Amino acid sequence: MHSRDDTMIRFQHAEKNFATANEPKMIWELQGDHNDALESNRTRYLEGMEKFLNLIETRAQTNRVRAD
């Protein structure tokens, strides 16, 4: 999760992290400055958290099936 409006950490940093991260991964763009995302984008922020948690849970279930 990151915002192009972030004045503390540039959006390009999030893009670099995404490019080098292992799967499962996602990038979820928000609006607002560094500490404002939850307050100004509450619904989108929480949707992103839910989507990511579902993504890693699906991955964990897949890994458990492979181990069995």
PDB file of N, CA and C in Angstrom:
ATOM      1  N   MET A   1       0.845  -1.170   0.000  1.00  0.00           N
ATOM      2  CA  MET A   1       0.000   0.000   0.000  1.00  0.00           C
ATOM      3  C   MET A   1       0.885   1.227   0.000  1.00  0.00           C
ATOM      4  N   HIS A   2       0.555   2.115  -0.897  1.00  0.00           N
ATOM      5  CA  HIS A   2       1.332   3.349  -0.950  1.00  0.00           C
ATOM      6  C   HIS A   2       0.577   4.397  -1.750  1.00  0.00           C
ATOM      7  N   SER A   3       0.964   5.636  -1.548  1.00  0.00           N
ATOM      8  CA  SER A   3       0.316   6.751  -2.230  1.00  0.00           C
ATOM      9  C   SER A   3       1.335   7.551  -3.028  1.00  0.00           C
ATOM     10  N   ARG A   4       0.930   7.985  -4.192  1.00  0.00           N
ATOM     11  CA  ARG A   4       1.780   8.876  -4.990  1.00  0.00           C
ATOM     12  C   ARG A   4       1.891  10.250  -4.331  1.00  0.00           C
ATOM     13  N   ASP A   5       1.006  10.538  -3.382  1.00  0.00           N
ATOM     14  CA  ASP A   5       1.019  11.813  -2.663  1.00  0.00           C
ATOM     15  C   ASP A   5       1.948  11.796  -1.451  1.00  0.00           C
ATOM     16  N   ASP A   6       2.562  10.665  -1.157  1.00  0.00           N
ATOM     17  CA  ASP A   6       3.419  10.521   0.019  1.00  0.00           C
ATOM     18  C   ASP A   6       4.637  11.432  -0.103  1.00  0.00           C
ATOM     19  N   THR A   7       4.792  12.345   0.849  1.00  0.00           N
ATOM     20  CA  THR A   7       5.934  13.262   0.828  1.00  0.00           C
ATOM     21  C   THR A   7       7.113  12.722   1.625  1.00  0.00           C
ATOM     22  N   MET A   8       6.931  11.621   2.342  1.00  0.00           N
ATOM     23  CA  MET A   8       8.003  11.046   3.143  1.00  0.00           C
ATOM     24  C   MET A   8       8.756   9.955   2.375  1.00  0.00           C
ATOM     25  N   ILE A   9       8.017   9.075   1.729  1.00  0.00           N
ATOM     26  CA  ILE A   9       8.612   7.964   0.977  1.00  0.00           C
ATOM     27  C   ILE A   9       7.999   7.975  -0.415  1.00  0.00           C
ATOM     28  N   ARG A  10       8.844   8.105  -1.407  1.00  0.00           N
ATOM     29  CA  ARG A  10       8.365   8.224  -2.783  1.00  0.00           C
ATOM     30  C   ARG A  10       7.690   6.936  -3.252  1.00  0.00           C
ATOM     31  N   PHE A  11       6.710   7.093  -4.138  1.00  0.00           N
ATOM     32  CA  PHE A  11       5.972   5.947  -4.673  1.00  0.00           C
ATOM     33  C   PHE A  11       6.899   4.973  -5.395  1.00  0.00           C
ATOM     34  N   GLN A  12       7.954   5.486  -5.999  1.00  0.00           N
ATOM     35  CA  GLN A  12       8.907   4.627  -6.702  1.00  0.00           C
ATOM     36  C   GLN A  12       9.534   3.606  -5.757  1.00  0.00           C
ATOM     37  N   HIS A  13       9.644   3.944  -4.485  1.00  0.00           N
ATOM     38  CA  HIS A  13      10.177   2.996  -3.506  1.00  0.00           C
ATOM     39  C   HIS A  13       9.233   1.791  -3.378  1.00  0.00           C
ATOM     40  N   ALA A  14       7.942   2.048  -3.347  1.00  0.00           N
ATOM     41  CA  ALA A  14       6.960   0.958  -3.292  1.00  0.00           C
ATOM     42  C   ALA A  14       7.029   0.107  -4.555  1.00  0.00           C
ATOM     43  N   GLU A  15       7.216   0.758  -5.696  1.00  0.00           N
ATOM     44  CA  GLU A  15       7.324   0.012  -6.954  1.00  0.00           C
ATOM     45  C   GLU A  15       8.566  -0.874  -6.970  1.00  0.00           C
ATOM     46  N   LYS A  16       9.673  -0.377  -6.441  1.00  0.00           N
ATOM     47  CA  LYS A  16      10.897  -1.192  -6.369  1.00  0.00           C
ATOM     48  C   LYS A  16      10.704  -2.370  -5.420  1.00  0.00           C
ATOM     49  N   ASN A  17      10.079  -2.126  -4.276  1.00  0.00           N
ATOM     50  CA  ASN A  17       9.799  -3.223  -3.342  1.00  0.00           C
ATOM     51  C   ASN A  17       8.926  -4.283  -4.003  1.00  0.00           C
ATOM     52  N   PHE A  18       7.904  -3.849  -4.718  1.00  0.00           N
ATOM     53  CA  PHE A  18       7.012  -4.774  -5.408  1.00  0.00           C
ATOM     54  C   PHE A  18       7.782  -5.595  -6.439  1.00  0.00           C
ATOM     55  N   ALA A  19       8.645  -4.940  -7.192  1.00  0.00           N
ATOM     56  CA  ALA A  19       9.395  -5.626  -8.249  1.00  0.00           C
ATOM     57  C   ALA A  19      10.307  -6.713  -7.692  1.00  0.00           C
ATOM     58  N   THR A  20      10.837  -6.513  -6.497  1.00  0.00           N
ATOM     59  CA  THR A  20      11.784  -7.483  -5.941  1.00  0.00           C
ATOM     60  C   THR A  20      11.143  -8.465  -4.960  1.00  0.00           C
ATOM     61  N   ALA A  21       9.894  -8.257  -4.605  1.00  0.00           N
ATOM     62  CA  ALA A  21       9.218  -9.130  -3.643  1.00  0.00           C
ATOM     63  C   ALA A  21       8.876 -10.477  -4.273  1.00  0.00           C
ATOM     64  N   ASN A  22       8.844 -11.494  -3.427  1.00  0.00           N
ATOM     65  CA  ASN A  22       8.386 -12.815  -3.849  1.00  0.00           C
ATOM     66  C   ASN A  22       6.860 -12.853  -3.824  1.00  0.00           C
ATOM     67  N   GLU A  23       6.294 -13.805  -4.540  1.00  0.00           N
ATOM     68  CA  GLU A  23       4.849 -14.030  -4.494  1.00  0.00           C
ATOM     69  C   GLU A  23       4.503 -14.679  -3.161  1.00  0.00           C
ATOM     70  N   PRO A  24       3.334 -14.461  -2.626  1.00  0.00           N
ATOM     71  CA  PRO A  24       2.283 -13.603  -3.150  1.00  0.00           C
ATOM     72  C   PRO A  24       2.611 -12.137  -2.893  1.00  0.00           C
ATOM     73  N   LYS A  25       2.257 -11.312  -3.829  1.00  0.00           N
ATOM     74  CA  LYS A  25       2.520  -9.887  -3.678  1.00  0.00           C
ATOM     75  C   LYS A  25       1.444  -9.093  -4.388  1.00  0.00           C
ATOM     76  N   MET A  26       1.300  -7.869  -3.963  1.00  0.00           N
ATOM     77  CA  MET A  26       0.364  -6.953  -4.607  1.00  0.00           C
ATOM     78  C   MET A  26       0.788  -5.536  -4.263  1.00  0.00           C
ATOM     79  N   ILE A  27       0.409  -4.629  -5.100  1.00  0.00           N
ATOM     80  CA  ILE A  27       0.610  -3.219  -4.789  1.00  0.00           C
ATOM     81  C   ILE A  27      -0.770  -2.579  -4.804  1.00  0.00           C
ATOM     82  N   TRP A  28      -1.069  -1.817  -3.781  1.00  0.00           N
ATOM     83  CA  TRP A  28      -2.392  -1.237  -3.600  1.00  0.00           C
ATOM     84  C   TRP A  28      -2.208   0.261  -3.438  1.00  0.00           C
ATOM     85  N   GLU A  29      -2.663   1.002  -4.431  1.00  0.00           N
ATOM     86  CA  GLU A  29      -2.433   2.439  -4.423  1.00  0.00           C
ATOM     87  C   GLU A  29      -3.511   3.172  -3.624  1.00  0.00           C
ATOM     88  N   LEU A  30      -3.038   4.043  -2.755  1.00  0.00           N
ATOM     89  CA  LEU A  30      -3.911   4.875  -1.939  1.00  0.00           C
ATOM     90  C   LEU A  30      -3.714   6.332  -2.312  1.00  0.00           C
ATOM     91  N   GLN A  31      -4.458   7.204  -1.675  1.00  0.00           N
ATOM     92  CA  GLN A  31      -4.283   8.644  -1.847  1.00  0.00           C
ATOM     93  C   GLN A  31      -3.975   9.248  -0.490  1.00  0.00           C
ATOM     94  N   GLY A  32      -3.308  10.388  -0.516  1.00  0.00           N
ATOM     95  CA  GLY A  32      -3.008  11.088   0.725  1.00  0.00           C
ATOM     96  C   GLY A  32      -1.547  10.972   1.093  1.00  0.00           C
ATOM     97  N   ASP A  33      -1.163  11.758   2.076  1.00  0.00           N
ATOM     98  CA  ASP A  33       0.224  11.767   2.519  1.00  0.00           C
ATOM     99  C   ASP A  33       0.524  10.540   3.378  1.00  0.00           C
ATOM    100  N   HIS A  34       1.747  10.439   3.834  1.00  0.00           N
ATOM    101  CA  HIS A  34       2.281   9.238   4.474  1.00  0.00           C
ATOM    102  C   HIS A  34       1.402   8.692   5.606  1.00  0.00           C
ATOM    103  N   ASN A  35       0.997   9.532   6.521  1.00  0.00           N
ATOM    104  CA  ASN A  35       0.224   9.065   7.677  1.00  0.00           C
ATOM    105  C   ASN A  35      -1.272   9.324   7.556  1.00  0.00           C
ATOM    106  N   ASP A  36      -1.732   9.694   6.374  1.00  0.00           N
ATOM    107  CA  ASP A  36      -3.136  10.049   6.192  1.00  0.00           C
ATOM    108  C   ASP A  36      -3.967   8.970   5.501  1.00  0.00           C
ATOM    109  N   ALA A  37      -3.348   7.923   5.026  1.00  0.00           N
ATOM    110  CA  ALA A  37      -4.040   6.947   4.177  1.00  0.00           C
ATOM    111  C   ALA A  37      -5.241   6.303   4.866  1.00  0.00           C
ATOM    112  N   LEU A  38      -5.070   5.868   6.092  1.00  0.00           N
ATOM    113  CA  LEU A  38      -6.178   5.201   6.780  1.00  0.00           C
ATOM    114  C   LEU A  38      -7.337   6.166   7.014  1.00  0.00           C
ATOM    115  N   GLU A  39      -7.016   7.375   7.412  1.00  0.00           N
ATOM    116  CA  GLU A  39      -8.068   8.353   7.700  1.00  0.00           C
ATOM    117  C   GLU A  39      -8.776   8.835   6.435  1.00  0.00           C
ATOM    118  N   SER A  40      -8.016   9.118   5.396  1.00  0.00           N
ATOM    119  CA  SER A  40      -8.620   9.696   4.194  1.00  0.00           C
ATOM    120  C   SER A  40      -9.119   8.654   3.199  1.00  0.00           C
ATOM    121  N   ASN A  41      -8.680   7.410   3.329  1.00  0.00           N
ATOM    122  CA  ASN A  41      -9.058   6.333   2.402  1.00  0.00           C
ATOM    123  C   ASN A  41      -9.477   5.082   3.157  1.00  0.00           C
ATOM    124  N   ARG A  42     -10.176   5.246   4.262  1.00  0.00           N
ATOM    125  CA  ARG A  42     -10.460   4.117   5.154  1.00  0.00           C
ATOM    126  C   ARG A  42     -11.001   2.894   4.410  1.00  0.00           C
ATOM    127  N   THR A  43     -12.010   3.066   3.580  1.00  0.00           N
ATOM    128  CA  THR A  43     -12.609   1.932   2.879  1.00  0.00           C
ATOM    129  C   THR A  43     -11.601   1.266   1.959  1.00  0.00           C
ATOM    130  N   ARG A  44     -10.903   2.056   1.157  1.00  0.00           N
ATOM    131  CA  ARG A  44      -9.912   1.488   0.232  1.00  0.00           C
ATOM    132  C   ARG A  44      -8.771   0.825   1.003  1.00  0.00           C
ATOM    133  N   TYR A  45      -8.324   1.438   2.078  1.00  0.00           N
ATOM    134  CA  TYR A  45      -7.260   0.883   2.913  1.00  0.00           C
ATOM    135  C   TYR A  45      -7.673  -0.490   3.449  1.00  0.00           C
ATOM    136  N   LEU A  46      -8.863  -0.560   4.024  1.00  0.00           N
ATOM    137  CA  LEU A  46      -9.331  -1.825   4.590  1.00  0.00           C
ATOM    138  C   LEU A  46      -9.583  -2.874   3.508  1.00  0.00           C
ATOM    139  N   GLU A  47     -10.059  -2.467   2.336  1.00  0.00           N
ATOM    140  CA  GLU A  47     -10.219  -3.403   1.214  1.00  0.00           C
ATOM    141  C   GLU A  47      -8.865  -3.984   0.821  1.00  0.00           C
ATOM    142  N   GLY A  48      -7.848  -3.151   0.786  1.00  0.00           N
ATOM    143  CA  GLY A  48      -6.510  -3.615   0.439  1.00  0.00           C
ATOM    144  C   GLY A  48      -5.963  -4.593   1.459  1.00  0.00           C
ATOM    145  N   MET A  49      -6.175  -4.291   2.737  1.00  0.00           N
ATOM    146  CA  MET A  49      -5.723  -5.209   3.789  1.00  0.00           C
ATOM    147  C   MET A  49      -6.424  -6.560   3.664  1.00  0.00           C
ATOM    148  N   GLU A  50      -7.736  -6.525   3.452  1.00  0.00           N
ATOM    149  CA  GLU A  50      -8.500  -7.766   3.313  1.00  0.00           C
ATOM    150  C   GLU A  50      -8.038  -8.563   2.092  1.00  0.00           C
ATOM    151  N   LYS A  51      -7.831  -7.880   0.993  1.00  0.00           N
ATOM    152  CA  LYS A  51      -7.389  -8.552  -0.228  1.00  0.00           C
ATOM    153  C   LYS A  51      -6.028  -9.217  -0.016  1.00  0.00           C
ATOM    154  N   PHE A  52      -5.105  -8.509   0.630  1.00  0.00           N
ATOM    155  CA  PHE A  52      -3.781  -9.078   0.863  1.00  0.00           C
ATOM    156  C   PHE A  52      -3.846 -10.263   1.822  1.00  0.00           C
ATOM    157  N   LEU A  53      -4.608 -10.141   2.889  1.00  0.00           N
ATOM    158  CA  LEU A  53      -4.730 -11.255   3.832  1.00  0.00           C
ATOM    159  C   LEU A  53      -5.352 -12.477   3.161  1.00  0.00           C
ATOM    160  N   ASN A  54      -6.340 -12.276   2.307  1.00  0.00           N
ATOM    161  CA  ASN A  54      -6.923 -13.394   1.552  1.00  0.00           C
ATOM    162  C   ASN A  54      -5.901 -14.005   0.607  1.00  0.00           C
ATOM    163  N   LEU A  55      -5.081 -13.168   0.012  1.00  0.00           N
ATOM    164  CA  LEU A  55      -4.045 -13.636  -0.903  1.00  0.00           C
ATOM    165  C   LEU A  55      -3.049 -14.543  -0.189  1.00  0.00           C
ATOM    166  N   ILE A  56      -2.584 -14.114   0.978  1.00  0.00           N
ATOM    167  CA  ILE A  56      -1.599 -14.943   1.677  1.00  0.00           C
ATOM    168  C   ILE A  56      -2.246 -16.177   2.296  1.00  0.00           C
ATOM    169  N   GLU A  57      -3.514 -16.087   2.684  1.00  0.00           N
ATOM    170  CA  GLU A  57      -4.210 -17.262   3.202  1.00  0.00           C
ATOM    171  C   GLU A  57      -4.380 -18.306   2.105  1.00  0.00           C
ATOM    172  N   THR A  58      -4.739 -17.881   0.909  1.00  0.00           N
ATOM    173  CA  THR A  58      -4.856 -18.799  -0.225  1.00  0.00           C
ATOM    174  C   THR A  58      -3.518 -19.464  -0.496  1.00  0.00           C
ATOM    175  N   ARG A  59      -2.460 -18.697  -0.443  1.00  0.00           N
ATOM    176  CA  ARG A  59      -1.114 -19.242  -0.665  1.00  0.00           C
ATOM    177  C   ARG A  59      -0.765 -20.257   0.416  1.00  0.00           C
ATOM    178  N   ALA A  60      -1.100 -19.956   1.664  1.00  0.00           N
ATOM    179  CA  ALA A  60      -0.813 -20.876   2.765  1.00  0.00           C
ATOM    180  C   ALA A  60      -1.587 -22.181   2.596  1.00  0.00           C
ATOM    181  N   GLN A  61      -2.844 -22.102   2.185  1.00  0.00           N
ATOM    182  CA  GLN A  61      -3.644 -23.309   1.963  1.00  0.00           C
ATOM    183  C   GLN A  61      -3.063 -24.141   0.831  1.00  0.00           C
ATOM    184  N   THR A  62      -2.613 -23.488  -0.229  1.00  0.00           N
ATOM    185  CA  THR A  62      -1.993 -24.191  -1.355  1.00  0.00           C
ATOM    186  C   THR A  62      -0.742 -24.922  -0.897  1.00  0.00           C
ATOM    187  N   ASN A  63       0.056 -24.270  -0.074  1.00  0.00           N
ATOM    188  CA  ASN A  63       1.274 -24.897   0.428  1.00  0.00           C
ATOM    189  C   ASN A  63       0.963 -26.074   1.333  1.00  0.00           C
ATOM    190  N   ARG A  64      -0.108 -25.990   2.133  1.00  0.00           N
ATOM    191  CA  ARG A  64      -0.487 -27.112   2.997  1.00  0.00           C
ATOM    192  C   ARG A  64      -0.923 -28.309   2.160  1.00  0.00           C
ATOM    193  N   VAL A  65      -1.662 -28.072   1.087  1.00  0.00           N
ATOM    194  CA  VAL A  65      -2.109 -29.155   0.207  1.00  0.00           C
ATOM    195  C   VAL A  65      -0.903 -29.830  -0.421  1.00  0.00           C
ATOM    196  N   ARG A  66       0.065 -29.060  -0.858  1.00  0.00           N
ATOM    197  CA  ARG A  66       1.272 -29.628  -1.464  1.00  0.00           C
ATOM    198  C   ARG A  66       2.056 -30.462  -0.465  1.00  0.00           C
ATOM    199  N   ALA A  67       2.058 -30.051   0.795  1.00  0.00           N
ATOM    200  CA  ALA A  67       2.818 -30.766   1.819  1.00  0.00           C
ATOM    201  C   ALA A  67       2.174 -32.100   2.165  1.00  0.00           C
ATOM    202  N   ASP A  68       0.865 -32.204   1.980  1.00  0.00           N
ATOM    203  CA  ASP A  68       0.150 -33.447   2.319  1.00  0.00           C
ATOM    204  C   ASP A  68       0.367 -34.464   1.287  1.00  0.00           C
TER     205      ASP A  68
END
